[in-house]
Amino acid sequence: ERPENTSYAGLKSRKSKCMANLKK
């Protein structure tokens, strides 16, 4: 659903960084 995320690995990394940012 998100063409701007071009790979599974990249999306997984982005989600992890977003969650770390949120927790902070």
PDBML (XML) file of the C-alpha atoms, coordinates in Angstrom:
<?xml version="1.0" encoding="UTF-8" ?>
<PDBx:datablock datablockName="MODEL"
   xmlns:PDBx="http://pdbml.pdb.org/schema/pdbx-v50.xsd"
   xmlns:xsi="http://www.w3.org/2001/XMLSchema-instance"
   xsi:schemaLocation="http://pdbml.pdb.org/schema/pdbx-v50.xsd pdbx-v50.xsd">
   <PDBx:atom_siteCategory>
      <PDBx:atom_site id="1">
         <PDBx:B_iso_or_equiv>0.00</PDBx:B_iso_or_equiv>
         <PDBx:Cartn_x>0.000</PDBx:Cartn_x>
         <PDBx:Cartn_y>0.000</PDBx:Cartn_y>
         <PDBx:Cartn_z>0.000</PDBx:Cartn_z>
         <PDBx:auth_asym_id>A</PDBx:auth_asym_id>
         <PDBx:auth_atom_id>CA</PDBx:auth_atom_id>
         <PDBx:auth_comp_id>GLU</PDBx:auth_comp_id>
         <PDBx:auth_seq_id>1</PDBx:auth_seq_id>
         <PDBx:group_PDB>ATOM</PDBx:group_PDB>
         <PDBx:label_alt_id xsi:nil="true" />
         <PDBx:label_asym_id>A</PDBx:label_asym_id>
         <PDBx:label_atom_id>CA</PDBx:label_atom_id>
         <PDBx:label_comp_id>GLU</PDBx:label_comp_id>
         <PDBx:label_entity_id>1</PDBx:label_entity_id>
         <PDBx:label_seq_id>1</PDBx:label_seq_id>
         <PDBx:occupancy>1.00</PDBx:occupancy>
         <PDBx:pdbx_PDB_model_num>1</PDBx:pdbx_PDB_model_num>
         <PDBx:type_symbol>C</PDBx:type_symbol>
      </PDBx:atom_site>
      <PDBx:atom_site id="2">
         <PDBx:B_iso_or_equiv>0.00</PDBx:B_iso_or_equiv>
         <PDBx:Cartn_x>3.009</PDBx:Cartn_x>
         <PDBx:Cartn_y>2.310</PDBx:Cartn_y>
         <PDBx:Cartn_z>0.313</PDBx:Cartn_z>
         <PDBx:auth_asym_id>A</PDBx:auth_asym_id>
         <PDBx:auth_atom_id>CA</PDBx:auth_atom_id>
         <PDBx:auth_comp_id>ARG</PDBx:auth_comp_id>
         <PDBx:auth_seq_id>2</PDBx:auth_seq_id>
         <PDBx:group_PDB>ATOM</PDBx:group_PDB>
         <PDBx:label_alt_id xsi:nil="true" />
         <PDBx:label_asym_id>A</PDBx:label_asym_id>
         <PDBx:label_atom_id>CA</PDBx:label_atom_id>
         <PDBx:label_comp_id>ARG</PDBx:label_comp_id>
         <PDBx:label_entity_id>1</PDBx:label_entity_id>
         <PDBx:label_seq_id>2</PDBx:label_seq_id>
         <PDBx:occupancy>1.00</PDBx:occupancy>
         <PDBx:pdbx_PDB_model_num>1</PDBx:pdbx_PDB_model_num>
         <PDBx:type_symbol>C</PDBx:type_symbol>
      </PDBx:atom_site>
      <PDBx:atom_site id="3">
         <PDBx:B_iso_or_equiv>0.00</PDBx:B_iso_or_equiv>
         <PDBx:Cartn_x>4.944</PDBx:Cartn_x>
         <PDBx:Cartn_y>2.534</PDBx:Cartn_y>
         <PDBx:Cartn_z>-2.985</PDBx:Cartn_z>
         <PDBx:auth_asym_id>A</PDBx:auth_asym_id>
         <PDBx:auth_atom_id>CA</PDBx:auth_atom_id>
         <PDBx:auth_comp_id>PRO</PDBx:auth_comp_id>
         <PDBx:auth_seq_id>3</PDBx:auth_seq_id>
         <PDBx:group_PDB>ATOM</PDBx:group_PDB>
         <PDBx:label_alt_id xsi:nil="true" />
         <PDBx:label_asym_id>A</PDBx:label_asym_id>
         <PDBx:label_atom_id>CA</PDBx:label_atom_id>
         <PDBx:label_comp_id>PRO</PDBx:label_comp_id>
         <PDBx:label_entity_id>1</PDBx:label_entity_id>
         <PDBx:label_seq_id>3</PDBx:label_seq_id>
         <PDBx:occupancy>1.00</PDBx:occupancy>
         <PDBx:pdbx_PDB_model_num>1</PDBx:pdbx_PDB_model_num>
         <PDBx:type_symbol>C</PDBx:type_symbol>
      </PDBx:atom_site>
      <PDBx:atom_site id="4">
         <PDBx:B_iso_or_equiv>0.00</PDBx:B_iso_or_equiv>
         <PDBx:Cartn_x>7.354</PDBx:Cartn_x>
         <PDBx:Cartn_y>5.003</PDBx:Cartn_y>
         <PDBx:Cartn_z>-1.382</PDBx:Cartn_z>
         <PDBx:auth_asym_id>A</PDBx:auth_asym_id>
         <PDBx:auth_atom_id>CA</PDBx:auth_atom_id>
         <PDBx:auth_comp_id>GLU</PDBx:auth_comp_id>
         <PDBx:auth_seq_id>4</PDBx:auth_seq_id>
         <PDBx:group_PDB>ATOM</PDBx:group_PDB>
         <PDBx:label_alt_id xsi:nil="true" />
         <PDBx:label_asym_id>A</PDBx:label_asym_id>
         <PDBx:label_atom_id>CA</PDBx:label_atom_id>
         <PDBx:label_comp_id>GLU</PDBx:label_comp_id>
         <PDBx:label_entity_id>1</PDBx:label_entity_id>
         <PDBx:label_seq_id>4</PDBx:label_seq_id>
         <PDBx:occupancy>1.00</PDBx:occupancy>
         <PDBx:pdbx_PDB_model_num>1</PDBx:pdbx_PDB_model_num>
         <PDBx:type_symbol>C</PDBx:type_symbol>
      </PDBx:atom_site>
      <PDBx:atom_site id="5">
         <PDBx:B_iso_or_equiv>0.00</PDBx:B_iso_or_equiv>
         <PDBx:Cartn_x>8.748</PDBx:Cartn_x>
         <PDBx:Cartn_y>2.096</PDBx:Cartn_y>
         <PDBx:Cartn_z>0.661</PDBx:Cartn_z>
         <PDBx:auth_asym_id>A</PDBx:auth_asym_id>
         <PDBx:auth_atom_id>CA</PDBx:auth_atom_id>
         <PDBx:auth_comp_id>ASN</PDBx:auth_comp_id>
         <PDBx:auth_seq_id>5</PDBx:auth_seq_id>
         <PDBx:group_PDB>ATOM</PDBx:group_PDB>
         <PDBx:label_alt_id xsi:nil="true" />
         <PDBx:label_asym_id>A</PDBx:label_asym_id>
         <PDBx:label_atom_id>CA</PDBx:label_atom_id>
         <PDBx:label_comp_id>ASN</PDBx:label_comp_id>
         <PDBx:label_entity_id>1</PDBx:label_entity_id>
         <PDBx:label_seq_id>5</PDBx:label_seq_id>
         <PDBx:occupancy>1.00</PDBx:occupancy>
         <PDBx:pdbx_PDB_model_num>1</PDBx:pdbx_PDB_model_num>
         <PDBx:type_symbol>C</PDBx:type_symbol>
      </PDBx:atom_site>
      <PDBx:atom_site id="6">
         <PDBx:B_iso_or_equiv>0.00</PDBx:B_iso_or_equiv>
         <PDBx:Cartn_x>10.673</PDBx:Cartn_x>
         <PDBx:Cartn_y>0.155</PDBx:Cartn_y>
         <PDBx:Cartn_z>-1.964</PDBx:Cartn_z>
         <PDBx:auth_asym_id>A</PDBx:auth_asym_id>
         <PDBx:auth_atom_id>CA</PDBx:auth_atom_id>
         <PDBx:auth_comp_id>THR</PDBx:auth_comp_id>
         <PDBx:auth_seq_id>6</PDBx:auth_seq_id>
         <PDBx:group_PDB>ATOM</PDBx:group_PDB>
         <PDBx:label_alt_id xsi:nil="true" />
         <PDBx:label_asym_id>A</PDBx:label_asym_id>
         <PDBx:label_atom_id>CA</PDBx:label_atom_id>
         <PDBx:label_comp_id>THR</PDBx:label_comp_id>
         <PDBx:label_entity_id>1</PDBx:label_entity_id>
         <PDBx:label_seq_id>6</PDBx:label_seq_id>
         <PDBx:occupancy>1.00</PDBx:occupancy>
         <PDBx:pdbx_PDB_model_num>1</PDBx:pdbx_PDB_model_num>
         <PDBx:type_symbol>C</PDBx:type_symbol>
      </PDBx:atom_site>
      <PDBx:atom_site id="7">
         <PDBx:B_iso_or_equiv>0.00</PDBx:B_iso_or_equiv>
         <PDBx:Cartn_x>11.757</PDBx:Cartn_x>
         <PDBx:Cartn_y>-2.911</PDBx:Cartn_y>
         <PDBx:Cartn_z>0.003</PDBx:Cartn_z>
         <PDBx:auth_asym_id>A</PDBx:auth_asym_id>
         <PDBx:auth_atom_id>CA</PDBx:auth_atom_id>
         <PDBx:auth_comp_id>SER</PDBx:auth_comp_id>
         <PDBx:auth_seq_id>7</PDBx:auth_seq_id>
         <PDBx:group_PDB>ATOM</PDBx:group_PDB>
         <PDBx:label_alt_id xsi:nil="true" />
         <PDBx:label_asym_id>A</PDBx:label_asym_id>
         <PDBx:label_atom_id>CA</PDBx:label_atom_id>
         <PDBx:label_comp_id>SER</PDBx:label_comp_id>
         <PDBx:label_entity_id>1</PDBx:label_entity_id>
         <PDBx:label_seq_id>7</PDBx:label_seq_id>
         <PDBx:occupancy>1.00</PDBx:occupancy>
         <PDBx:pdbx_PDB_model_num>1</PDBx:pdbx_PDB_model_num>
         <PDBx:type_symbol>C</PDBx:type_symbol>
      </PDBx:atom_site>
      <PDBx:atom_site id="8">
         <PDBx:B_iso_or_equiv>0.00</PDBx:B_iso_or_equiv>
         <PDBx:Cartn_x>10.660</PDBx:Cartn_x>
         <PDBx:Cartn_y>-5.123</PDBx:Cartn_y>
         <PDBx:Cartn_z>2.882</PDBx:Cartn_z>
         <PDBx:auth_asym_id>A</PDBx:auth_asym_id>
         <PDBx:auth_atom_id>CA</PDBx:auth_atom_id>
         <PDBx:auth_comp_id>TYR</PDBx:auth_comp_id>
         <PDBx:auth_seq_id>8</PDBx:auth_seq_id>
         <PDBx:group_PDB>ATOM</PDBx:group_PDB>
         <PDBx:label_alt_id xsi:nil="true" />
         <PDBx:label_asym_id>A</PDBx:label_asym_id>
         <PDBx:label_atom_id>CA</PDBx:label_atom_id>
         <PDBx:label_comp_id>TYR</PDBx:label_comp_id>
         <PDBx:label_entity_id>1</PDBx:label_entity_id>
         <PDBx:label_seq_id>8</PDBx:label_seq_id>
         <PDBx:occupancy>1.00</PDBx:occupancy>
         <PDBx:pdbx_PDB_model_num>1</PDBx:pdbx_PDB_model_num>
         <PDBx:type_symbol>C</PDBx:type_symbol>
      </PDBx:atom_site>
      <PDBx:atom_site id="9">
         <PDBx:B_iso_or_equiv>0.00</PDBx:B_iso_or_equiv>
         <PDBx:Cartn_x>13.987</PDBx:Cartn_x>
         <PDBx:Cartn_y>-4.650</PDBx:Cartn_y>
         <PDBx:Cartn_z>4.673</PDBx:Cartn_z>
         <PDBx:auth_asym_id>A</PDBx:auth_asym_id>
         <PDBx:auth_atom_id>CA</PDBx:auth_atom_id>
         <PDBx:auth_comp_id>ALA</PDBx:auth_comp_id>
         <PDBx:auth_seq_id>9</PDBx:auth_seq_id>
         <PDBx:group_PDB>ATOM</PDBx:group_PDB>
         <PDBx:label_alt_id xsi:nil="true" />
         <PDBx:label_asym_id>A</PDBx:label_asym_id>
         <PDBx:label_atom_id>CA</PDBx:label_atom_id>
         <PDBx:label_comp_id>ALA</PDBx:label_comp_id>
         <PDBx:label_entity_id>1</PDBx:label_entity_id>
         <PDBx:label_seq_id>9</PDBx:label_seq_id>
         <PDBx:occupancy>1.00</PDBx:occupancy>
         <PDBx:pdbx_PDB_model_num>1</PDBx:pdbx_PDB_model_num>
         <PDBx:type_symbol>C</PDBx:type_symbol>
      </PDBx:atom_site>
      <PDBx:atom_site id="10">
         <PDBx:B_iso_or_equiv>0.00</PDBx:B_iso_or_equiv>
         <PDBx:Cartn_x>13.775</PDBx:Cartn_x>
         <PDBx:Cartn_y>-0.880</PDBx:Cartn_y>
         <PDBx:Cartn_z>4.294</PDBx:Cartn_z>
         <PDBx:auth_asym_id>A</PDBx:auth_asym_id>
         <PDBx:auth_atom_id>CA</PDBx:auth_atom_id>
         <PDBx:auth_comp_id>GLY</PDBx:auth_comp_id>
         <PDBx:auth_seq_id>10</PDBx:auth_seq_id>
         <PDBx:group_PDB>ATOM</PDBx:group_PDB>
         <PDBx:label_alt_id xsi:nil="true" />
         <PDBx:label_asym_id>A</PDBx:label_asym_id>
         <PDBx:label_atom_id>CA</PDBx:label_atom_id>
         <PDBx:label_comp_id>GLY</PDBx:label_comp_id>
         <PDBx:label_entity_id>1</PDBx:label_entity_id>
         <PDBx:label_seq_id>10</PDBx:label_seq_id>
         <PDBx:occupancy>1.00</PDBx:occupancy>
         <PDBx:pdbx_PDB_model_num>1</PDBx:pdbx_PDB_model_num>
         <PDBx:type_symbol>C</PDBx:type_symbol>
      </PDBx:atom_site>
      <PDBx:atom_site id="11">
         <PDBx:B_iso_or_equiv>0.00</PDBx:B_iso_or_equiv>
         <PDBx:Cartn_x>10.204</PDBx:Cartn_x>
         <PDBx:Cartn_y>-0.778</PDBx:Cartn_y>
         <PDBx:Cartn_z>5.611</PDBx:Cartn_z>
         <PDBx:auth_asym_id>A</PDBx:auth_asym_id>
         <PDBx:auth_atom_id>CA</PDBx:auth_atom_id>
         <PDBx:auth_comp_id>LEU</PDBx:auth_comp_id>
         <PDBx:auth_seq_id>11</PDBx:auth_seq_id>
         <PDBx:group_PDB>ATOM</PDBx:group_PDB>
         <PDBx:label_alt_id xsi:nil="true" />
         <PDBx:label_asym_id>A</PDBx:label_asym_id>
         <PDBx:label_atom_id>CA</PDBx:label_atom_id>
         <PDBx:label_comp_id>LEU</PDBx:label_comp_id>
         <PDBx:label_entity_id>1</PDBx:label_entity_id>
         <PDBx:label_seq_id>11</PDBx:label_seq_id>
         <PDBx:occupancy>1.00</PDBx:occupancy>
         <PDBx:pdbx_PDB_model_num>1</PDBx:pdbx_PDB_model_num>
         <PDBx:type_symbol>C</PDBx:type_symbol>
      </PDBx:atom_site>
      <PDBx:atom_site id="12">
         <PDBx:B_iso_or_equiv>0.00</PDBx:B_iso_or_equiv>
         <PDBx:Cartn_x>11.121</PDBx:Cartn_x>
         <PDBx:Cartn_y>-2.997</PDBx:Cartn_y>
         <PDBx:Cartn_z>8.568</PDBx:Cartn_z>
         <PDBx:auth_asym_id>A</PDBx:auth_asym_id>
         <PDBx:auth_atom_id>CA</PDBx:auth_atom_id>
         <PDBx:auth_comp_id>LYS</PDBx:auth_comp_id>
         <PDBx:auth_seq_id>12</PDBx:auth_seq_id>
         <PDBx:group_PDB>ATOM</PDBx:group_PDB>
         <PDBx:label_alt_id xsi:nil="true" />
         <PDBx:label_asym_id>A</PDBx:label_asym_id>
         <PDBx:label_atom_id>CA</PDBx:label_atom_id>
         <PDBx:label_comp_id>LYS</PDBx:label_comp_id>
         <PDBx:label_entity_id>1</PDBx:label_entity_id>
         <PDBx:label_seq_id>12</PDBx:label_seq_id>
         <PDBx:occupancy>1.00</PDBx:occupancy>
         <PDBx:pdbx_PDB_model_num>1</PDBx:pdbx_PDB_model_num>
         <PDBx:type_symbol>C</PDBx:type_symbol>
      </PDBx:atom_site>
      <PDBx:atom_site id="13">
         <PDBx:B_iso_or_equiv>0.00</PDBx:B_iso_or_equiv>
         <PDBx:Cartn_x>14.060</PDBx:Cartn_x>
         <PDBx:Cartn_y>-0.727</PDBx:Cartn_y>
         <PDBx:Cartn_z>9.412</PDBx:Cartn_z>
         <PDBx:auth_asym_id>A</PDBx:auth_asym_id>
         <PDBx:auth_atom_id>CA</PDBx:auth_atom_id>
         <PDBx:auth_comp_id>SER</PDBx:auth_comp_id>
         <PDBx:auth_seq_id>13</PDBx:auth_seq_id>
         <PDBx:group_PDB>ATOM</PDBx:group_PDB>
         <PDBx:label_alt_id xsi:nil="true" />
         <PDBx:label_asym_id>A</PDBx:label_asym_id>
         <PDBx:label_atom_id>CA</PDBx:label_atom_id>
         <PDBx:label_comp_id>SER</PDBx:label_comp_id>
         <PDBx:label_entity_id>1</PDBx:label_entity_id>
         <PDBx:label_seq_id>13</PDBx:label_seq_id>
         <PDBx:occupancy>1.00</PDBx:occupancy>
         <PDBx:pdbx_PDB_model_num>1</PDBx:pdbx_PDB_model_num>
         <PDBx:type_symbol>C</PDBx:type_symbol>
      </PDBx:atom_site>
      <PDBx:atom_site id="14">
         <PDBx:B_iso_or_equiv>0.00</PDBx:B_iso_or_equiv>
         <PDBx:Cartn_x>11.875</PDBx:Cartn_x>
         <PDBx:Cartn_y>2.378</PDBx:Cartn_y>
         <PDBx:Cartn_z>9.074</PDBx:Cartn_z>
         <PDBx:auth_asym_id>A</PDBx:auth_asym_id>
         <PDBx:auth_atom_id>CA</PDBx:auth_atom_id>
         <PDBx:auth_comp_id>ARG</PDBx:auth_comp_id>
         <PDBx:auth_seq_id>14</PDBx:auth_seq_id>
         <PDBx:group_PDB>ATOM</PDBx:group_PDB>
         <PDBx:label_alt_id xsi:nil="true" />
         <PDBx:label_asym_id>A</PDBx:label_asym_id>
         <PDBx:label_atom_id>CA</PDBx:label_atom_id>
         <PDBx:label_comp_id>ARG</PDBx:label_comp_id>
         <PDBx:label_entity_id>1</PDBx:label_entity_id>
         <PDBx:label_seq_id>14</PDBx:label_seq_id>
         <PDBx:occupancy>1.00</PDBx:occupancy>
         <PDBx:pdbx_PDB_model_num>1</PDBx:pdbx_PDB_model_num>
         <PDBx:type_symbol>C</PDBx:type_symbol>
      </PDBx:atom_site>
      <PDBx:atom_site id="15">
         <PDBx:B_iso_or_equiv>0.00</PDBx:B_iso_or_equiv>
         <PDBx:Cartn_x>9.226</PDBx:Cartn_x>
         <PDBx:Cartn_y>0.911</PDBx:Cartn_y>
         <PDBx:Cartn_z>11.391</PDBx:Cartn_z>
         <PDBx:auth_asym_id>A</PDBx:auth_asym_id>
         <PDBx:auth_atom_id>CA</PDBx:auth_atom_id>
         <PDBx:auth_comp_id>LYS</PDBx:auth_comp_id>
         <PDBx:auth_seq_id>15</PDBx:auth_seq_id>
         <PDBx:group_PDB>ATOM</PDBx:group_PDB>
         <PDBx:label_alt_id xsi:nil="true" />
         <PDBx:label_asym_id>A</PDBx:label_asym_id>
         <PDBx:label_atom_id>CA</PDBx:label_atom_id>
         <PDBx:label_comp_id>LYS</PDBx:label_comp_id>
         <PDBx:label_entity_id>1</PDBx:label_entity_id>
         <PDBx:label_seq_id>15</PDBx:label_seq_id>
         <PDBx:occupancy>1.00</PDBx:occupancy>
         <PDBx:pdbx_PDB_model_num>1</PDBx:pdbx_PDB_model_num>
         <PDBx:type_symbol>C</PDBx:type_symbol>
      </PDBx:atom_site>
      <PDBx:atom_site id="16">
         <PDBx:B_iso_or_equiv>0.00</PDBx:B_iso_or_equiv>
         <PDBx:Cartn_x>11.855</PDBx:Cartn_x>
         <PDBx:Cartn_y>0.109</PDBx:Cartn_y>
         <PDBx:Cartn_z>14.023</PDBx:Cartn_z>
         <PDBx:auth_asym_id>A</PDBx:auth_asym_id>
         <PDBx:auth_atom_id>CA</PDBx:auth_atom_id>
         <PDBx:auth_comp_id>SER</PDBx:auth_comp_id>
         <PDBx:auth_seq_id>16</PDBx:auth_seq_id>
         <PDBx:group_PDB>ATOM</PDBx:group_PDB>
         <PDBx:label_alt_id xsi:nil="true" />
         <PDBx:label_asym_id>A</PDBx:label_asym_id>
         <PDBx:label_atom_id>CA</PDBx:label_atom_id>
         <PDBx:label_comp_id>SER</PDBx:label_comp_id>
         <PDBx:label_entity_id>1</PDBx:label_entity_id>
         <PDBx:label_seq_id>16</PDBx:label_seq_id>
         <PDBx:occupancy>1.00</PDBx:occupancy>
         <PDBx:pdbx_PDB_model_num>1</PDBx:pdbx_PDB_model_num>
         <PDBx:type_symbol>C</PDBx:type_symbol>
      </PDBx:atom_site>
      <PDBx:atom_site id="17">
         <PDBx:B_iso_or_equiv>0.00</PDBx:B_iso_or_equiv>
         <PDBx:Cartn_x>13.317</PDBx:Cartn_x>
         <PDBx:Cartn_y>3.629</PDBx:Cartn_y>
         <PDBx:Cartn_z>13.854</PDBx:Cartn_z>
         <PDBx:auth_asym_id>A</PDBx:auth_asym_id>
         <PDBx:auth_atom_id>CA</PDBx:auth_atom_id>
         <PDBx:auth_comp_id>LYS</PDBx:auth_comp_id>
         <PDBx:auth_seq_id>17</PDBx:auth_seq_id>
         <PDBx:group_PDB>ATOM</PDBx:group_PDB>
         <PDBx:label_alt_id xsi:nil="true" />
         <PDBx:label_asym_id>A</PDBx:label_asym_id>
         <PDBx:label_atom_id>CA</PDBx:label_atom_id>
         <PDBx:label_comp_id>LYS</PDBx:label_comp_id>
         <PDBx:label_entity_id>1</PDBx:label_entity_id>
         <PDBx:label_seq_id>17</PDBx:label_seq_id>
         <PDBx:occupancy>1.00</PDBx:occupancy>
         <PDBx:pdbx_PDB_model_num>1</PDBx:pdbx_PDB_model_num>
         <PDBx:type_symbol>C</PDBx:type_symbol>
      </PDBx:atom_site>
      <PDBx:atom_site id="18">
         <PDBx:B_iso_or_equiv>0.00</PDBx:B_iso_or_equiv>
         <PDBx:Cartn_x>9.842</PDBx:Cartn_x>
         <PDBx:Cartn_y>5.160</PDBx:Cartn_y>
         <PDBx:Cartn_z>14.068</PDBx:Cartn_z>
         <PDBx:auth_asym_id>A</PDBx:auth_asym_id>
         <PDBx:auth_atom_id>CA</PDBx:auth_atom_id>
         <PDBx:auth_comp_id>CYS</PDBx:auth_comp_id>
         <PDBx:auth_seq_id>18</PDBx:auth_seq_id>
         <PDBx:group_PDB>ATOM</PDBx:group_PDB>
         <PDBx:label_alt_id xsi:nil="true" />
         <PDBx:label_asym_id>A</PDBx:label_asym_id>
         <PDBx:label_atom_id>CA</PDBx:label_atom_id>
         <PDBx:label_comp_id>CYS</PDBx:label_comp_id>
         <PDBx:label_entity_id>1</PDBx:label_entity_id>
         <PDBx:label_seq_id>18</PDBx:label_seq_id>
         <PDBx:occupancy>1.00</PDBx:occupancy>
         <PDBx:pdbx_PDB_model_num>1</PDBx:pdbx_PDB_model_num>
         <PDBx:type_symbol>C</PDBx:type_symbol>
      </PDBx:atom_site>
      <PDBx:atom_site id="19">
         <PDBx:B_iso_or_equiv>0.00</PDBx:B_iso_or_equiv>
         <PDBx:Cartn_x>9.013</PDBx:Cartn_x>
         <PDBx:Cartn_y>3.058</PDBx:Cartn_y>
         <PDBx:Cartn_z>17.136</PDBx:Cartn_z>
         <PDBx:auth_asym_id>A</PDBx:auth_asym_id>
         <PDBx:auth_atom_id>CA</PDBx:auth_atom_id>
         <PDBx:auth_comp_id>MET</PDBx:auth_comp_id>
         <PDBx:auth_seq_id>19</PDBx:auth_seq_id>
         <PDBx:group_PDB>ATOM</PDBx:group_PDB>
         <PDBx:label_alt_id xsi:nil="true" />
         <PDBx:label_asym_id>A</PDBx:label_asym_id>
         <PDBx:label_atom_id>CA</PDBx:label_atom_id>
         <PDBx:label_comp_id>MET</PDBx:label_comp_id>
         <PDBx:label_entity_id>1</PDBx:label_entity_id>
         <PDBx:label_seq_id>19</PDBx:label_seq_id>
         <PDBx:occupancy>1.00</PDBx:occupancy>
         <PDBx:pdbx_PDB_model_num>1</PDBx:pdbx_PDB_model_num>
         <PDBx:type_symbol>C</PDBx:type_symbol>
      </PDBx:atom_site>
      <PDBx:atom_site id="20">
         <PDBx:B_iso_or_equiv>0.00</PDBx:B_iso_or_equiv>
         <PDBx:Cartn_x>12.310</PDBx:Cartn_x>
         <PDBx:Cartn_y>3.983</PDBx:Cartn_y>
         <PDBx:Cartn_z>18.796</PDBx:Cartn_z>
         <PDBx:auth_asym_id>A</PDBx:auth_asym_id>
         <PDBx:auth_atom_id>CA</PDBx:auth_atom_id>
         <PDBx:auth_comp_id>ALA</PDBx:auth_comp_id>
         <PDBx:auth_seq_id>20</PDBx:auth_seq_id>
         <PDBx:group_PDB>ATOM</PDBx:group_PDB>
         <PDBx:label_alt_id xsi:nil="true" />
         <PDBx:label_asym_id>A</PDBx:label_asym_id>
         <PDBx:label_atom_id>CA</PDBx:label_atom_id>
         <PDBx:label_comp_id>ALA</PDBx:label_comp_id>
         <PDBx:label_entity_id>1</PDBx:label_entity_id>
         <PDBx:label_seq_id>20</PDBx:label_seq_id>
         <PDBx:occupancy>1.00</PDBx:occupancy>
         <PDBx:pdbx_PDB_model_num>1</PDBx:pdbx_PDB_model_num>
         <PDBx:type_symbol>C</PDBx:type_symbol>
      </PDBx:atom_site>
      <PDBx:atom_site id="21">
         <PDBx:B_iso_or_equiv>0.00</PDBx:B_iso_or_equiv>
         <PDBx:Cartn_x>11.536</PDBx:Cartn_x>
         <PDBx:Cartn_y>7.656</PDBx:Cartn_y>
         <PDBx:Cartn_z>18.107</PDBx:Cartn_z>
         <PDBx:auth_asym_id>A</PDBx:auth_asym_id>
         <PDBx:auth_atom_id>CA</PDBx:auth_atom_id>
         <PDBx:auth_comp_id>ASN</PDBx:auth_comp_id>
         <PDBx:auth_seq_id>21</PDBx:auth_seq_id>
         <PDBx:group_PDB>ATOM</PDBx:group_PDB>
         <PDBx:label_alt_id xsi:nil="true" />
         <PDBx:label_asym_id>A</PDBx:label_asym_id>
         <PDBx:label_atom_id>CA</PDBx:label_atom_id>
         <PDBx:label_comp_id>ASN</PDBx:label_comp_id>
         <PDBx:label_entity_id>1</PDBx:label_entity_id>
         <PDBx:label_seq_id>21</PDBx:label_seq_id>
         <PDBx:occupancy>1.00</PDBx:occupancy>
         <PDBx:pdbx_PDB_model_num>1</PDBx:pdbx_PDB_model_num>
         <PDBx:type_symbol>C</PDBx:type_symbol>
      </PDBx:atom_site>
      <PDBx:atom_site id="22">
         <PDBx:B_iso_or_equiv>0.00</PDBx:B_iso_or_equiv>
         <PDBx:Cartn_x>8.047</PDBx:Cartn_x>
         <PDBx:Cartn_y>7.253</PDBx:Cartn_y>
         <PDBx:Cartn_z>19.541</PDBx:Cartn_z>
         <PDBx:auth_asym_id>A</PDBx:auth_asym_id>
         <PDBx:auth_atom_id>CA</PDBx:auth_atom_id>
         <PDBx:auth_comp_id>LEU</PDBx:auth_comp_id>
         <PDBx:auth_seq_id>22</PDBx:auth_seq_id>
         <PDBx:group_PDB>ATOM</PDBx:group_PDB>
         <PDBx:label_alt_id xsi:nil="true" />
         <PDBx:label_asym_id>A</PDBx:label_asym_id>
         <PDBx:label_atom_id>CA</PDBx:label_atom_id>
         <PDBx:label_comp_id>LEU</PDBx:label_comp_id>
         <PDBx:label_entity_id>1</PDBx:label_entity_id>
         <PDBx:label_seq_id>22</PDBx:label_seq_id>
         <PDBx:occupancy>1.00</PDBx:occupancy>
         <PDBx:pdbx_PDB_model_num>1</PDBx:pdbx_PDB_model_num>
         <PDBx:type_symbol>C</PDBx:type_symbol>
      </PDBx:atom_site>
      <PDBx:atom_site id="23">
         <PDBx:B_iso_or_equiv>0.00</PDBx:B_iso_or_equiv>
         <PDBx:Cartn_x>9.313</PDBx:Cartn_x>
         <PDBx:Cartn_y>5.521</PDBx:Cartn_y>
         <PDBx:Cartn_z>22.691</PDBx:Cartn_z>
         <PDBx:auth_asym_id>A</PDBx:auth_asym_id>
         <PDBx:auth_atom_id>CA</PDBx:auth_atom_id>
         <PDBx:auth_comp_id>LYS</PDBx:auth_comp_id>
         <PDBx:auth_seq_id>23</PDBx:auth_seq_id>
         <PDBx:group_PDB>ATOM</PDBx:group_PDB>
         <PDBx:label_alt_id xsi:nil="true" />
         <PDBx:label_asym_id>A</PDBx:label_asym_id>
         <PDBx:label_atom_id>CA</PDBx:label_atom_id>
         <PDBx:label_comp_id>LYS</PDBx:label_comp_id>
         <PDBx:label_entity_id>1</PDBx:label_entity_id>
         <PDBx:label_seq_id>23</PDBx:label_seq_id>
         <PDBx:occupancy>1.00</PDBx:occupancy>
         <PDBx:pdbx_PDB_model_num>1</PDBx:pdbx_PDB_model_num>
         <PDBx:type_symbol>C</PDBx:type_symbol>
      </PDBx:atom_site>
      <PDBx:atom_site id="24">
         <PDBx:B_iso_or_equiv>0.00</PDBx:B_iso_or_equiv>
         <PDBx:Cartn_x>11.868</PDBx:Cartn_x>
         <PDBx:Cartn_y>8.299</PDBx:Cartn_y>
         <PDBx:Cartn_z>23.224</PDBx:Cartn_z>
         <PDBx:auth_asym_id>A</PDBx:auth_asym_id>
         <PDBx:auth_atom_id>CA</PDBx:auth_atom_id>
         <PDBx:auth_comp_id>LYS</PDBx:auth_comp_id>
         <PDBx:auth_seq_id>24</PDBx:auth_seq_id>
         <PDBx:group_PDB>ATOM</PDBx:group_PDB>
         <PDBx:label_alt_id xsi:nil="true" />
         <PDBx:label_asym_id>A</PDBx:label_asym_id>
         <PDBx:label_atom_id>CA</PDBx:label_atom_id>
         <PDBx:label_comp_id>LYS</PDBx:label_comp_id>
         <PDBx:label_entity_id>1</PDBx:label_entity_id>
         <PDBx:label_seq_id>24</PDBx:label_seq_id>
         <PDBx:occupancy>1.00</PDBx:occupancy>
         <PDBx:pdbx_PDB_model_num>1</PDBx:pdbx_PDB_model_num>
         <PDBx:type_symbol>C</PDBx:type_symbol>
      </PDBx:atom_site>
   </PDBx:atom_siteCategory>
</PDBx:datablock>
